[in-house]
Amino acid sequence: MRPTESAVIVRIPEAEPLVGRFRADLDFAASLGVPAHVTVIYPFVAPDLIDDAVTAALAEAVGSVPAFDATFARVAWFERTVIWLAPEPAEPFLALTNAVWQRFPHCPPYGGAHQQVVPHLTVGIDHPADVLEKAARAVAPGLPITASVTAAVLMHGSKETRSWRVVAELQLAPS
């Protein structure tokens, strides 16, 4: 199946050993092939419109933000429907989102659905609260996780299992 969506994310492979099994059961994005991550922009440009010029402009926007380290030390909630890991500091993730959004103003974060962007690494979403609570209790003792953020990736795919693929790796500026 042809890709129908794209996203710009920061992969957090350091989180996979702790959250991977929970994401596999509790986060639909994991079944699509999207790794543990913090979203920069989703949805991004339609895959059939991504060309060398779009990729170059995206690389320039991402490259305007210096590389950084982030620590994920606590589990947090959006209402009682999403559990996530909170990155500290959050500001560099916001700087990435703002840089890409400025360059691609027709691609607001989360399609403009939220007033405020909160950087986060989703562990589970849209499952019963008791299931999410159990996952939160299991994950918390494994924290903190520290990640070195030197790149973002452009991915695209569809709602089909394992359909998401990396299209481009985009380097942040040297710190």
N, C-alpha and C. Protein backbone atom coordinates (compact mmCIF):
# COMPACT_ATOMS: atom_id res chain seq x y z
N MET A 1 0.85 -1.19 0.00
CA MET A 1 0.00 0.00 0.00
C MET A 1 0.88 1.24 0.00
N ARG A 2 0.46 2.24 -0.76
CA ARG A 2 1.19 3.50 -0.82
C ARG A 2 1.10 4.24 0.50
N PRO A 3 2.19 4.95 0.87
CA PRO A 3 2.13 5.78 2.09
C PRO A 3 1.07 6.86 1.95
N THR A 4 0.35 7.10 3.03
CA THR A 4 -0.70 8.11 3.02
C THR A 4 -0.44 9.23 4.02
N GLU A 5 0.53 9.04 4.90
CA GLU A 5 0.82 10.04 5.94
C GLU A 5 2.32 10.14 6.12
N SER A 6 2.76 11.25 6.70
CA SER A 6 4.16 11.39 7.08
C SER A 6 4.25 12.11 8.42
N ALA A 7 5.41 11.98 9.03
CA ALA A 7 5.67 12.60 10.33
C ALA A 7 7.15 12.88 10.46
N VAL A 8 7.46 13.86 11.27
CA VAL A 8 8.84 14.14 11.66
C VAL A 8 8.92 13.81 13.15
N ILE A 9 9.84 12.91 13.50
CA ILE A 9 9.95 12.47 14.88
C ILE A 9 11.42 12.43 15.30
N VAL A 10 11.62 12.36 16.61
CA VAL A 10 12.93 12.06 17.18
C VAL A 10 12.82 10.66 17.77
N ARG A 11 13.58 9.74 17.20
CA ARG A 11 13.59 8.37 17.73
C ARG A 11 14.33 8.37 19.08
N ILE A 12 13.81 7.59 20.00
CA ILE A 12 14.45 7.43 21.32
C ILE A 12 14.70 5.94 21.53
N PRO A 13 15.73 5.39 20.87
CA PRO A 13 15.98 3.96 20.98
C PRO A 13 16.33 3.51 22.40
N GLU A 14 16.86 4.43 23.19
CA GLU A 14 17.19 4.11 24.58
C GLU A 14 15.96 3.71 25.39
N ALA A 15 14.77 4.11 24.94
CA ALA A 15 13.53 3.80 25.66
C ALA A 15 12.97 2.44 25.29
N GLU A 16 13.35 1.90 24.14
CA GLU A 16 12.74 0.66 23.65
C GLU A 16 12.82 -0.51 24.65
N PRO A 17 13.97 -0.75 25.30
CA PRO A 17 14.01 -1.89 26.23
C PRO A 17 12.97 -1.79 27.36
N LEU A 18 12.67 -0.58 27.79
CA LEU A 18 11.71 -0.38 28.88
C LEU A 18 10.27 -0.32 28.38
N VAL A 19 10.02 0.43 27.33
CA VAL A 19 8.63 0.68 26.92
C VAL A 19 8.17 -0.13 25.72
N GLY A 20 9.08 -0.80 25.03
CA GLY A 20 8.73 -1.49 23.80
C GLY A 20 7.59 -2.49 23.95
N ARG A 21 7.63 -3.33 24.97
CA ARG A 21 6.57 -4.34 25.13
C ARG A 21 5.23 -3.71 25.47
N PHE A 22 5.24 -2.58 26.18
CA PHE A 22 3.99 -1.90 26.49
C PHE A 22 3.45 -1.19 25.24
N ARG A 23 4.34 -0.55 24.50
CA ARG A 23 3.90 0.12 23.27
C ARG A 23 3.32 -0.89 22.29
N ALA A 24 3.91 -2.08 22.22
CA ALA A 24 3.41 -3.11 21.29
C ALA A 24 1.96 -3.44 21.55
N ASP A 25 1.56 -3.41 22.82
CA ASP A 25 0.18 -3.74 23.19
C ASP A 25 -0.72 -2.51 23.31
N LEU A 26 -0.14 -1.35 23.63
CA LEU A 26 -0.96 -0.21 24.05
C LEU A 26 -0.86 1.03 23.16
N ASP A 27 0.00 1.00 22.13
CA ASP A 27 0.15 2.16 21.25
C ASP A 27 0.07 1.67 19.80
N PHE A 28 -1.03 2.01 19.13
CA PHE A 28 -1.25 1.57 17.75
C PHE A 28 -0.09 1.93 16.84
N ALA A 29 0.56 3.07 17.09
CA ALA A 29 1.68 3.51 16.24
C ALA A 29 2.80 2.47 16.21
N ALA A 30 3.00 1.76 17.32
CA ALA A 30 4.05 0.74 17.36
C ALA A 30 3.77 -0.36 16.34
N SER A 31 2.50 -0.74 16.18
CA SER A 31 2.15 -1.79 15.22
C SER A 31 2.38 -1.35 13.78
N LEU A 32 2.40 -0.06 13.56
CA LEU A 32 2.65 0.47 12.22
C LEU A 32 4.13 0.50 11.87
N GLY A 33 4.98 0.32 12.90
CA GLY A 33 6.41 0.36 12.69
C GLY A 33 7.06 1.65 13.16
N VAL A 34 6.31 2.47 13.89
CA VAL A 34 6.84 3.71 14.42
C VAL A 34 7.53 3.39 15.75
N PRO A 35 8.84 3.70 15.86
CA PRO A 35 9.57 3.37 17.08
C PRO A 35 9.22 4.31 18.24
N ALA A 36 9.74 4.00 19.41
CA ALA A 36 9.61 4.92 20.55
C ALA A 36 10.17 6.27 20.12
N HIS A 37 9.41 7.33 20.37
CA HIS A 37 9.78 8.63 19.82
C HIS A 37 9.11 9.78 20.55
N VAL A 38 9.61 10.96 20.24
CA VAL A 38 8.94 12.22 20.57
C VAL A 38 8.57 12.84 19.22
N THR A 39 7.31 13.18 19.05
CA THR A 39 6.84 13.76 17.79
C THR A 39 7.32 15.20 17.66
N VAL A 40 7.83 15.53 16.47
CA VAL A 40 8.17 16.91 16.13
C VAL A 40 6.96 17.52 15.42
N ILE A 41 6.54 16.92 14.31
CA ILE A 41 5.35 17.36 13.57
C ILE A 41 4.63 16.14 13.01
N TYR A 42 3.37 16.05 13.32
CA TYR A 42 2.47 15.07 12.72
C TYR A 42 1.09 15.70 12.68
N PRO A 43 0.41 15.60 11.57
CA PRO A 43 0.85 15.10 10.28
C PRO A 43 1.75 16.12 9.58
N PHE A 44 2.64 15.59 8.74
CA PHE A 44 3.54 16.43 7.96
C PHE A 44 3.01 16.45 6.52
N VAL A 45 3.85 16.75 5.58
CA VAL A 45 3.48 16.88 4.16
C VAL A 45 3.02 15.52 3.62
N ALA A 46 2.01 15.53 2.77
CA ALA A 46 1.53 14.29 2.14
C ALA A 46 2.70 13.61 1.44
N PRO A 47 2.86 12.29 1.62
CA PRO A 47 4.02 11.60 1.05
C PRO A 47 4.25 11.83 -0.44
N ASP A 48 3.18 11.93 -1.22
CA ASP A 48 3.38 12.12 -2.67
C ASP A 48 3.87 13.53 -3.00
N LEU A 49 3.90 14.43 -2.02
CA LEU A 49 4.41 15.79 -2.24
C LEU A 49 5.82 15.98 -1.68
N ILE A 50 6.36 14.95 -1.04
CA ILE A 50 7.70 15.05 -0.48
C ILE A 50 8.71 14.81 -1.60
N ASP A 51 9.50 15.84 -1.85
CA ASP A 51 10.54 15.75 -2.88
C ASP A 51 11.85 16.27 -2.29
N ASP A 52 12.86 16.42 -3.14
CA ASP A 52 14.17 16.88 -2.65
C ASP A 52 14.08 18.27 -2.03
N ALA A 53 13.25 19.15 -2.58
CA ALA A 53 13.12 20.51 -2.03
C ALA A 53 12.50 20.48 -0.64
N VAL A 54 11.47 19.68 -0.45
CA VAL A 54 10.83 19.57 0.87
C VAL A 54 11.83 18.98 1.87
N THR A 55 12.52 17.93 1.47
CA THR A 55 13.49 17.30 2.36
C THR A 55 14.62 18.27 2.72
N ALA A 56 15.10 19.04 1.75
CA ALA A 56 16.16 20.01 2.01
C ALA A 56 15.68 21.11 2.96
N ALA A 57 14.47 21.60 2.76
CA ALA A 57 13.92 22.64 3.65
C ALA A 57 13.73 22.08 5.06
N LEU A 58 13.29 20.84 5.15
CA LEU A 58 13.12 20.20 6.45
C LEU A 58 14.47 20.02 7.13
N ALA A 59 15.47 19.58 6.38
CA ALA A 59 16.81 19.40 6.95
C ALA A 59 17.36 20.72 7.47
N GLU A 60 17.10 21.79 6.75
CA GLU A 60 17.55 23.12 7.18
C GLU A 60 16.86 23.53 8.48
N ALA A 61 15.56 23.29 8.58
CA ALA A 61 14.83 23.64 9.81
C ALA A 61 15.34 22.83 11.00
N VAL A 62 15.45 21.53 10.82
CA VAL A 62 15.95 20.67 11.91
C VAL A 62 17.38 21.05 12.27
N GLY A 63 18.19 21.35 11.26
CA GLY A 63 19.59 21.71 11.49
C GLY A 63 19.79 23.05 12.16
N SER A 64 18.72 23.80 12.36
CA SER A 64 18.83 25.09 13.06
C SER A 64 18.78 24.92 14.58
N VAL A 65 18.50 23.71 15.04
CA VAL A 65 18.41 23.43 16.48
C VAL A 65 19.63 22.62 16.90
N PRO A 66 20.33 23.04 17.96
CA PRO A 66 21.51 22.29 18.41
C PRO A 66 21.14 20.93 19.03
N ALA A 67 22.02 19.96 18.83
CA ALA A 67 21.87 18.65 19.46
C ALA A 67 21.82 18.84 20.98
N PHE A 68 21.18 17.88 21.66
CA PHE A 68 21.00 18.01 23.12
C PHE A 68 20.80 16.63 23.73
N ASP A 69 20.91 16.59 25.04
CA ASP A 69 20.59 15.38 25.80
C ASP A 69 19.26 15.61 26.50
N ALA A 70 18.50 14.54 26.63
CA ALA A 70 17.22 14.61 27.33
C ALA A 70 17.12 13.42 28.28
N THR A 71 16.47 13.66 29.39
CA THR A 71 16.23 12.61 30.38
C THR A 71 14.72 12.42 30.52
N PHE A 72 14.31 11.17 30.51
CA PHE A 72 12.91 10.81 30.72
C PHE A 72 12.85 10.18 32.11
N ALA A 73 12.40 10.98 33.10
CA ALA A 73 12.49 10.55 34.49
C ALA A 73 11.14 10.31 35.15
N ARG A 74 10.05 10.64 34.45
CA ARG A 74 8.74 10.44 35.08
C ARG A 74 7.68 10.05 34.07
N VAL A 75 6.70 9.31 34.57
CA VAL A 75 5.52 8.94 33.79
C VAL A 75 4.48 10.03 34.03
N ALA A 76 3.80 10.44 32.97
CA ALA A 76 2.76 11.46 33.09
C ALA A 76 1.52 10.98 32.32
N TRP A 77 0.43 11.73 32.47
CA TRP A 77 -0.86 11.37 31.85
C TRP A 77 -1.44 12.55 31.11
N PHE A 78 -2.12 12.27 30.01
CA PHE A 78 -3.08 13.20 29.41
C PHE A 78 -4.43 12.63 29.79
N GLU A 79 -5.13 13.40 30.63
CA GLU A 79 -6.39 12.93 31.20
C GLU A 79 -6.15 11.52 31.74
N ARG A 80 -7.00 10.59 31.49
CA ARG A 80 -6.77 9.20 31.91
C ARG A 80 -6.74 8.29 30.71
N THR A 81 -6.34 8.86 29.55
CA THR A 81 -6.37 8.08 28.32
C THR A 81 -5.01 7.86 27.68
N VAL A 82 -3.99 8.58 28.12
CA VAL A 82 -2.65 8.44 27.54
C VAL A 82 -1.62 8.47 28.65
N ILE A 83 -0.72 7.45 28.66
CA ILE A 83 0.44 7.53 29.55
C ILE A 83 1.67 7.79 28.69
N TRP A 84 2.55 8.60 29.23
CA TRP A 84 3.71 9.01 28.46
C TRP A 84 4.89 9.32 29.37
N LEU A 85 6.07 9.33 28.77
CA LEU A 85 7.27 9.73 29.49
C LEU A 85 7.56 11.18 29.16
N ALA A 86 7.89 11.93 30.22
CA ALA A 86 8.13 13.37 30.08
C ALA A 86 9.62 13.64 29.89
N PRO A 87 9.99 14.30 28.78
CA PRO A 87 11.40 14.63 28.58
C PRO A 87 11.79 15.91 29.32
N GLU A 88 12.99 15.88 29.87
CA GLU A 88 13.57 17.08 30.49
C GLU A 88 14.96 17.26 29.91
N PRO A 89 15.27 18.40 29.38
CA PRO A 89 14.36 19.52 29.19
C PRO A 89 13.41 19.29 28.00
N ALA A 90 12.26 19.90 28.08
CA ALA A 90 11.29 19.81 26.99
C ALA A 90 11.54 20.87 25.91
N GLU A 91 12.20 21.94 26.29
CA GLU A 91 12.36 23.09 25.40
C GLU A 91 13.04 22.76 24.06
N PRO A 92 14.09 21.94 24.04
CA PRO A 92 14.69 21.65 22.72
C PRO A 92 13.73 20.91 21.77
N PHE A 93 12.86 20.06 22.31
CA PHE A 93 11.86 19.42 21.47
C PHE A 93 10.87 20.46 20.93
N LEU A 94 10.49 21.41 21.77
CA LEU A 94 9.61 22.49 21.32
C LEU A 94 10.30 23.34 20.26
N ALA A 95 11.61 23.57 20.43
CA ALA A 95 12.37 24.35 19.44
C ALA A 95 12.35 23.64 18.09
N LEU A 96 12.49 22.31 18.09
CA LEU A 96 12.40 21.54 16.84
C LEU A 96 11.03 21.69 16.21
N THR A 97 9.98 21.52 17.01
CA THR A 97 8.62 21.66 16.50
C THR A 97 8.41 23.04 15.91
N ASN A 98 8.82 24.06 16.63
CA ASN A 98 8.63 25.43 16.15
C ASN A 98 9.43 25.71 14.88
N ALA A 99 10.66 25.20 14.79
CA ALA A 99 11.48 25.42 13.60
C ALA A 99 10.83 24.78 12.36
N VAL A 100 10.33 23.56 12.52
CA VAL A 100 9.70 22.88 11.38
C VAL A 100 8.37 23.55 11.04
N TRP A 101 7.60 23.90 12.05
CA TRP A 101 6.30 24.54 11.81
C TRP A 101 6.47 25.89 11.12
N GLN A 102 7.50 26.65 11.54
CA GLN A 102 7.75 27.94 10.88
C GLN A 102 8.06 27.74 9.40
N ARG A 103 8.83 26.71 9.09
CA ARG A 103 9.21 26.44 7.71
C ARG A 103 8.04 25.86 6.91
N PHE A 104 7.15 25.13 7.60
CA PHE A 104 6.00 24.49 6.96
C PHE A 104 4.73 24.90 7.71
N PRO A 105 4.31 26.16 7.57
CA PRO A 105 3.18 26.67 8.36
C PRO A 105 1.85 25.97 8.08
N HIS A 106 1.76 25.27 6.97
CA HIS A 106 0.54 24.52 6.65
C HIS A 106 0.51 23.16 7.36
N CYS A 107 1.51 22.89 8.19
CA CYS A 107 1.60 21.61 8.93
C CYS A 107 1.67 21.88 10.43
N PRO A 108 0.59 22.36 11.03
CA PRO A 108 0.64 22.61 12.47
C PRO A 108 0.76 21.29 13.23
N PRO A 109 1.40 21.32 14.39
CA PRO A 109 1.52 20.10 15.20
C PRO A 109 0.14 19.50 15.49
N TYR A 110 0.03 18.19 15.31
CA TYR A 110 -1.20 17.44 15.55
C TYR A 110 -2.38 18.02 14.78
N GLY A 111 -2.09 18.62 13.62
CA GLY A 111 -3.14 19.17 12.78
C GLY A 111 -3.86 20.35 13.42
N GLY A 112 -3.24 20.95 14.43
CA GLY A 112 -3.85 22.08 15.13
C GLY A 112 -4.87 21.67 16.17
N ALA A 113 -4.92 20.38 16.52
CA ALA A 113 -5.94 19.87 17.45
C ALA A 113 -5.71 20.30 18.90
N HIS A 114 -4.49 20.70 19.24
CA HIS A 114 -4.18 21.03 20.63
C HIS A 114 -3.67 22.47 20.73
N GLN A 115 -4.14 23.17 21.74
CA GLN A 115 -3.71 24.55 21.95
C GLN A 115 -2.23 24.63 22.29
N GLN A 116 -1.77 23.67 23.08
CA GLN A 116 -0.39 23.66 23.55
C GLN A 116 0.27 22.34 23.17
N VAL A 117 1.49 22.43 22.64
CA VAL A 117 2.26 21.23 22.31
C VAL A 117 3.03 20.82 23.55
N VAL A 118 2.89 19.57 23.94
CA VAL A 118 3.60 19.02 25.09
C VAL A 118 4.48 17.88 24.59
N PRO A 119 5.79 18.07 24.54
CA PRO A 119 6.65 16.98 24.09
C PRO A 119 6.48 15.77 25.01
N HIS A 120 6.40 14.59 24.38
CA HIS A 120 6.16 13.38 25.17
C HIS A 120 6.51 12.14 24.36
N LEU A 121 6.76 11.05 25.07
CA LEU A 121 6.99 9.74 24.46
C LEU A 121 5.83 8.86 24.90
N THR A 122 4.93 8.57 23.99
CA THR A 122 3.73 7.79 24.32
C THR A 122 4.10 6.35 24.64
N VAL A 123 3.54 5.87 25.76
CA VAL A 123 3.69 4.46 26.16
C VAL A 123 2.40 3.71 25.86
N GLY A 124 1.27 4.34 26.14
CA GLY A 124 -0.03 3.71 25.89
C GLY A 124 -1.10 4.75 25.68
N ILE A 125 -2.07 4.40 24.84
CA ILE A 125 -3.12 5.36 24.50
C ILE A 125 -4.42 4.61 24.20
N ASP A 126 -5.52 5.21 24.65
CA ASP A 126 -6.87 4.72 24.33
C ASP A 126 -7.11 3.27 24.74
N HIS A 127 -6.72 2.97 25.97
CA HIS A 127 -7.02 1.68 26.59
C HIS A 127 -7.64 1.97 27.95
N PRO A 128 -8.28 1.00 28.57
CA PRO A 128 -8.88 1.24 29.88
C PRO A 128 -7.84 1.78 30.87
N ALA A 129 -8.29 2.68 31.73
CA ALA A 129 -7.38 3.34 32.68
C ALA A 129 -6.63 2.33 33.54
N ASP A 130 -7.29 1.24 33.96
CA ASP A 130 -6.58 0.28 34.82
C ASP A 130 -5.45 -0.41 34.07
N VAL A 131 -5.60 -0.64 32.78
CA VAL A 131 -4.53 -1.24 31.98
C VAL A 131 -3.37 -0.26 31.85
N LEU A 132 -3.68 1.01 31.59
CA LEU A 132 -2.65 2.03 31.49
C LEU A 132 -1.95 2.24 32.83
N GLU A 133 -2.71 2.21 33.92
CA GLU A 133 -2.11 2.36 35.25
C GLU A 133 -1.13 1.24 35.55
N LYS A 134 -1.49 0.03 35.17
CA LYS A 134 -0.60 -1.11 35.38
C LYS A 134 0.71 -0.91 34.60
N ALA A 135 0.61 -0.45 33.37
CA ALA A 135 1.80 -0.18 32.57
C ALA A 135 2.63 0.94 33.19
N ALA A 136 1.97 1.98 33.66
CA ALA A 136 2.69 3.10 34.29
C ALA A 136 3.46 2.62 35.51
N ARG A 137 2.84 1.78 36.32
CA ARG A 137 3.53 1.25 37.52
C ARG A 137 4.71 0.36 37.13
N ALA A 138 4.59 -0.36 36.03
CA ALA A 138 5.68 -1.24 35.60
C ALA A 138 6.85 -0.46 35.01
N VAL A 139 6.56 0.64 34.32
CA VAL A 139 7.59 1.42 33.66
C VAL A 139 8.36 2.30 34.66
N ALA A 140 7.68 2.89 35.61
CA ALA A 140 8.28 3.89 36.50
C ALA A 140 9.60 3.45 37.16
N PRO A 141 9.71 2.22 37.68
CA PRO A 141 10.97 1.84 38.32
C PRO A 141 12.17 1.77 37.36
N GLY A 142 11.92 1.69 36.06
CA GLY A 142 13.00 1.64 35.08
C GLY A 142 13.54 3.00 34.66
N LEU A 143 12.95 4.05 35.18
CA LEU A 143 13.37 5.40 34.85
C LEU A 143 14.47 5.84 35.82
N PRO A 144 15.33 6.74 35.45
CA PRO A 144 15.30 7.57 34.25
C PRO A 144 15.99 6.89 33.05
N ILE A 145 15.64 7.40 31.89
CA ILE A 145 16.29 7.05 30.62
C ILE A 145 16.91 8.33 30.10
N THR A 146 18.16 8.25 29.68
CA THR A 146 18.83 9.42 29.10
C THR A 146 19.08 9.14 27.63
N ALA A 147 18.80 10.13 26.80
CA ALA A 147 18.98 10.00 25.35
C ALA A 147 19.79 11.18 24.83
N SER A 148 20.64 10.89 23.89
CA SER A 148 21.38 11.92 23.18
C SER A 148 20.65 12.17 21.86
N VAL A 149 20.15 13.38 21.69
CA VAL A 149 19.35 13.71 20.51
C VAL A 149 20.23 14.47 19.52
N THR A 150 20.58 13.80 18.42
CA THR A 150 21.43 14.39 17.39
C THR A 150 20.75 14.46 16.03
N ALA A 151 19.57 13.81 15.91
CA ALA A 151 18.88 13.78 14.62
C ALA A 151 17.39 13.61 14.82
N ALA A 152 16.66 14.02 13.83
CA ALA A 152 15.23 13.71 13.69
C ALA A 152 15.11 12.89 12.42
N VAL A 153 13.98 12.23 12.25
CA VAL A 153 13.76 11.49 11.01
C VAL A 153 12.40 11.86 10.42
N LEU A 154 12.36 11.81 9.09
CA LEU A 154 11.11 11.94 8.36
C LEU A 154 10.68 10.51 8.04
N MET A 155 9.47 10.16 8.43
CA MET A 155 8.92 8.84 8.16
C MET A 155 7.62 8.99 7.39
N HIS A 156 7.27 7.95 6.65
CA HIS A 156 5.94 7.92 6.06
C HIS A 156 5.41 6.49 6.05
N GLY A 157 4.09 6.39 5.96
CA GLY A 157 3.44 5.10 5.95
C GLY A 157 1.94 5.25 5.84
N SER A 158 1.25 4.18 6.20
CA SER A 158 -0.22 4.17 6.15
C SER A 158 -0.72 3.54 7.44
N LYS A 159 -1.98 3.20 7.48
CA LYS A 159 -2.57 2.54 8.65
C LYS A 159 -2.33 1.03 8.62
N GLU A 160 -1.55 0.55 7.66
CA GLU A 160 -1.23 -0.87 7.54
C GLU A 160 -0.10 -1.25 8.49
N THR A 161 -0.18 -2.43 9.05
CA THR A 161 0.84 -2.93 9.97
C THR A 161 2.23 -2.86 9.32
N ARG A 162 3.19 -2.37 10.10
CA ARG A 162 4.60 -2.29 9.70
C ARG A 162 4.84 -1.51 8.40
N SER A 163 3.99 -0.54 8.10
CA SER A 163 4.12 0.19 6.84
C SER A 163 5.02 1.42 6.93
N TRP A 164 5.31 1.90 8.13
CA TRP A 164 6.08 3.15 8.27
C TRP A 164 7.56 2.90 8.05
N ARG A 165 8.18 3.80 7.28
CA ARG A 165 9.60 3.71 6.91
C ARG A 165 10.26 5.07 7.06
N VAL A 166 11.55 5.05 7.36
CA VAL A 166 12.34 6.29 7.41
C VAL A 166 12.63 6.71 5.98
N VAL A 167 12.31 7.96 5.68
CA VAL A 167 12.55 8.55 4.37
C VAL A 167 13.87 9.33 4.37
N ALA A 168 14.13 10.02 5.48
CA ALA A 168 15.35 10.83 5.59
C ALA A 168 15.73 10.98 7.05
N GLU A 169 17.03 10.96 7.30
CA GLU A 169 17.55 11.29 8.63
C GLU A 169 18.08 12.71 8.55
N LEU A 170 17.71 13.52 9.52
CA LEU A 170 17.98 14.95 9.50
C LEU A 170 18.81 15.31 10.72
N GLN A 171 20.00 15.81 10.51
CA GLN A 171 20.92 16.10 11.61
C GLN A 171 20.61 17.43 12.28
N LEU A 172 20.65 17.44 13.60
CA LEU A 172 20.60 18.68 14.36
C LEU A 172 21.96 19.35 14.25
N ALA A 173 22.04 20.64 14.60
CA ALA A 173 23.31 21.36 14.60
C ALA A 173 24.21 20.79 15.69
N PRO A 174 25.51 20.85 15.49
CA PRO A 174 26.41 20.41 16.58
C PRO A 174 26.15 21.25 17.84
N SER A 175 26.25 20.60 18.99
CA SER A 175 25.97 21.34 20.23
C SER A 175 27.19 22.12 20.70
